[in-house]
């Protein structure tokens, strides 16, 4: 783990996870931001998180920057440790399609 990261109180970590889950339920997070928040909740750098989840650092960087086109398998690798799964969700108003 990156030594520059400051310790986080368990209560703060729980609040951050709850806020993430609420945003996911509401559909207010775009994929790049959701993946970035998941990684940050893990308190890992991009290379550490990629290695932990079994994906390439390049793939993770592309996803977080919004330039990637990840497969469902890659997304499942990222979210599985958080008790999440990739699935169909209703579109938000204004989404193309």
C-alpha atoms as a PDB file:
ATOM      1  CA  UNK A   1       0.000   0.000   0.000  1.00  0.00           C
ATOM      2  CA  UNK A   2       1.145   3.528  -0.776  1.00  0.00           C
ATOM      3  CA  UNK A   3       2.865   4.948   2.298  1.00  0.00           C
ATOM      4  CA  UNK A   4       1.574   8.455   1.493  1.00  0.00           C
ATOM      5  CA  UNK A   5      -1.994   7.540   2.352  1.00  0.00           C
ATOM      6  CA  UNK A   6      -3.223   8.652   5.722  1.00  0.00           C
ATOM      7  CA  UNK A   7      -5.136   6.222   7.923  1.00  0.00           C
ATOM      8  CA  UNK A   8      -8.922   6.469   7.738  1.00  0.00           C
ATOM      9  CA  UNK A   9     -11.203   5.929  10.699  1.00  0.00           C
ATOM     10  CA  UNK A  10     -13.526   2.925  10.327  1.00  0.00           C
ATOM     11  CA  UNK A  11     -16.568   5.214  10.606  1.00  0.00           C
ATOM     12  CA  UNK A  12     -15.343   7.365   7.731  1.00  0.00           C
ATOM     13  CA  UNK A  13     -14.639   4.298   5.606  1.00  0.00           C
ATOM     14  CA  UNK A  14     -18.152   2.994   6.283  1.00  0.00           C
ATOM     15  CA  UNK A  15     -19.687   6.349   5.359  1.00  0.00           C
ATOM     16  CA  UNK A  16     -17.702   6.438   2.111  1.00  0.00           C
ATOM     17  CA  UNK A  17     -18.871   2.918   1.216  1.00  0.00           C
ATOM     18  CA  UNK A  18     -22.478   3.762   2.038  1.00  0.00           C
ATOM     19  CA  UNK A  19     -22.294   6.917  -0.090  1.00  0.00           C
ATOM     20  CA  UNK A  20     -20.841   4.901  -2.977  1.00  0.00           C
ATOM     21  CA  UNK A  21     -23.573   2.261  -2.731  1.00  0.00           C
ATOM     22  CA  UNK A  22     -26.249   4.983  -2.621  1.00  0.00           C
ATOM     23  CA  UNK A  23     -24.801   6.688  -5.707  1.00  0.00           C
ATOM     24  CA  UNK A  24     -24.675   3.345  -7.534  1.00  0.00           C
ATOM     25  CA  UNK A  25     -28.307   2.582  -6.638  1.00  0.00           C
ATOM     26  CA  UNK A  26     -29.377   6.041  -7.799  1.00  0.00           C
ATOM     27  CA  UNK A  27     -27.399   5.729 -11.024  1.00  0.00           C
ATOM     28  CA  UNK A  28     -25.613   9.020 -10.449  1.00  0.00           C
ATOM     29  CA  UNK A  29     -22.078   7.709 -11.013  1.00  0.00           C
ATOM     30  CA  UNK A  30     -20.503   7.272 -14.414  1.00  0.00           C
ATOM     31  CA  UNK A  31     -18.331   4.181 -14.841  1.00  0.00           C
ATOM     32  CA  UNK A  32     -14.962   6.003 -14.681  1.00  0.00           C
ATOM     33  CA  UNK A  33     -15.851   7.748 -11.420  1.00  0.00           C
ATOM     34  CA  UNK A  34     -17.340   4.581  -9.905  1.00  0.00           C
ATOM     35  CA  UNK A  35     -14.173   2.564 -10.609  1.00  0.00           C
ATOM     36  CA  UNK A  36     -11.981   5.358  -9.296  1.00  0.00           C
ATOM     37  CA  UNK A  37     -14.004   5.559  -6.080  1.00  0.00           C
ATOM     38  CA  UNK A  38     -13.857   1.784  -5.626  1.00  0.00           C
ATOM     39  CA  UNK A  39     -10.077   1.861  -5.987  1.00  0.00           C
ATOM     40  CA  UNK A  40      -9.717   4.760  -3.587  1.00  0.00           C
ATOM     41  CA  UNK A  41     -11.900   2.984  -1.028  1.00  0.00           C
ATOM     42  CA  UNK A  42      -9.427   0.122  -1.306  1.00  0.00           C
ATOM     43  CA  UNK A  43      -6.663   2.576  -0.432  1.00  0.00           C
ATOM     44  CA  UNK A  44      -4.565   1.244  -3.311  1.00  0.00           C
ATOM     45  CA  UNK A  45      -2.653   2.891  -6.119  1.00  0.00           C
ATOM     46  CA  UNK A  46      -3.586   2.065  -9.708  1.00  0.00           C
ATOM     47  CA  UNK A  47      -0.766  -0.512 -10.076  1.00  0.00           C
ATOM     48  CA  UNK A  48      -1.633  -2.124  -6.724  1.00  0.00           C
ATOM     49  CA  UNK A  49      -5.353  -2.272  -7.475  1.00  0.00           C
ATOM     50  CA  UNK A  50      -4.799  -3.627 -10.989  1.00  0.00           C
ATOM     51  CA  UNK A  51      -2.529  -6.386  -9.682  1.00  0.00           C
ATOM     52  CA  UNK A  52      -4.960  -7.218  -6.875  1.00  0.00           C
ATOM     53  CA  UNK A  53      -7.907  -7.497  -9.293  1.00  0.00           C
ATOM     54  CA  UNK A  54      -5.982  -9.335 -12.030  1.00  0.00           C
ATOM     55  CA  UNK A  55      -6.222  -6.673 -14.717  1.00  0.00           C
ATOM     56  CA  UNK A  56      -3.583  -4.593 -16.465  1.00  0.00           C
ATOM     57  CA  UNK A  57      -2.658  -1.163 -15.201  1.00  0.00           C
ATOM     58  CA  UNK A  58      -3.264   0.153 -18.720  1.00  0.00           C
ATOM     59  CA  UNK A  59      -6.834  -1.195 -18.700  1.00  0.00           C
ATOM     60  CA  UNK A  60      -7.517   0.369 -15.297  1.00  0.00           C
ATOM     61  CA  UNK A  61      -6.118   3.733 -16.383  1.00  0.00           C
ATOM     62  CA  UNK A  62      -8.238   3.714 -19.525  1.00  0.00           C
ATOM     63  CA  UNK A  63     -11.379   2.870 -17.557  1.00  0.00           C
ATOM     64  CA  UNK A  64     -10.738   5.563 -14.940  1.00  0.00           C
ATOM     65  CA  UNK A  65     -10.041   8.156 -17.634  1.00  0.00           C
ATOM     66  CA  UNK A  66     -13.218   7.298 -19.534  1.00  0.00           C
ATOM     67  CA  UNK A  67     -11.311   6.134 -22.621  1.00  0.00           C
ATOM     68  CA  UNK A  68     -11.585   2.400 -21.967  1.00  0.00           C
ATOM     69  CA  UNK A  69     -14.102  -0.078 -23.310  1.00  0.00           C
ATOM     70  CA  UNK A  70     -13.906  -2.802 -20.656  1.00  0.00           C
ATOM     71  CA  UNK A  71     -15.456  -6.214 -21.036  1.00  0.00           C
ATOM     72  CA  UNK A  72     -18.033  -7.460 -18.547  1.00  0.00           C
ATOM     73  CA  UNK A  73     -15.382  -9.914 -17.341  1.00  0.00           C
ATOM     74  CA  UNK A  74     -12.973  -7.063 -16.543  1.00  0.00           C
ATOM     75  CA  UNK A  75     -15.687  -5.096 -14.755  1.00  0.00           C
ATOM     76  CA  UNK A  76     -16.653  -8.184 -12.750  1.00  0.00           C
ATOM     77  CA  UNK A  77     -13.029  -8.562 -11.657  1.00  0.00           C
ATOM     78  CA  UNK A  78     -13.043  -4.975 -10.433  1.00  0.00           C
ATOM     79  CA  UNK A  79     -16.337  -5.035  -8.543  1.00  0.00           C
ATOM     80  CA  UNK A  80     -16.525  -8.601  -7.182  1.00  0.00           C
ATOM     81  CA  UNK A  81     -14.429  -7.861  -4.096  1.00  0.00           C
ATOM     82  CA  UNK A  82     -16.969  -5.172  -3.143  1.00  0.00           C
ATOM     83  CA  UNK A  83     -19.908  -7.574  -3.270  1.00  0.00           C
ATOM     84  CA  UNK A  84     -21.152  -6.041  -6.511  1.00  0.00           C
ATOM     85  CA  UNK A  85     -21.862  -7.459  -9.930  1.00  0.00           C
ATOM     86  CA  UNK A  86     -22.234  -5.961 -13.362  1.00  0.00           C
ATOM     87  CA  UNK A  87     -25.807  -5.930 -14.586  1.00  0.00           C
ATOM     88  CA  UNK A  88     -28.484  -4.116 -16.474  1.00  0.00           C
ATOM     89  CA  UNK A  89     -29.542  -0.820 -14.958  1.00  0.00           C
ATOM     90  CA  UNK A  90     -32.172   1.664 -16.063  1.00  0.00           C
ATOM     91  CA  UNK A  91     -30.918   4.547 -18.162  1.00  0.00           C
ATOM     92  CA  UNK A  92     -30.861   8.011 -16.733  1.00  0.00           C
ATOM     93  CA  UNK A  93     -32.727  10.739 -18.545  1.00  0.00           C
ATOM     94  CA  UNK A  94     -30.599  12.312 -21.194  1.00  0.00           C
ATOM     95  CA  UNK A  95     -28.487   9.183 -21.810  1.00  0.00           C
ATOM     96  CA  UNK A  96     -28.020   8.435 -25.488  1.00  0.00           C
ATOM     97  CA  UNK A  97     -29.669   5.408 -26.954  1.00  0.00           C
END
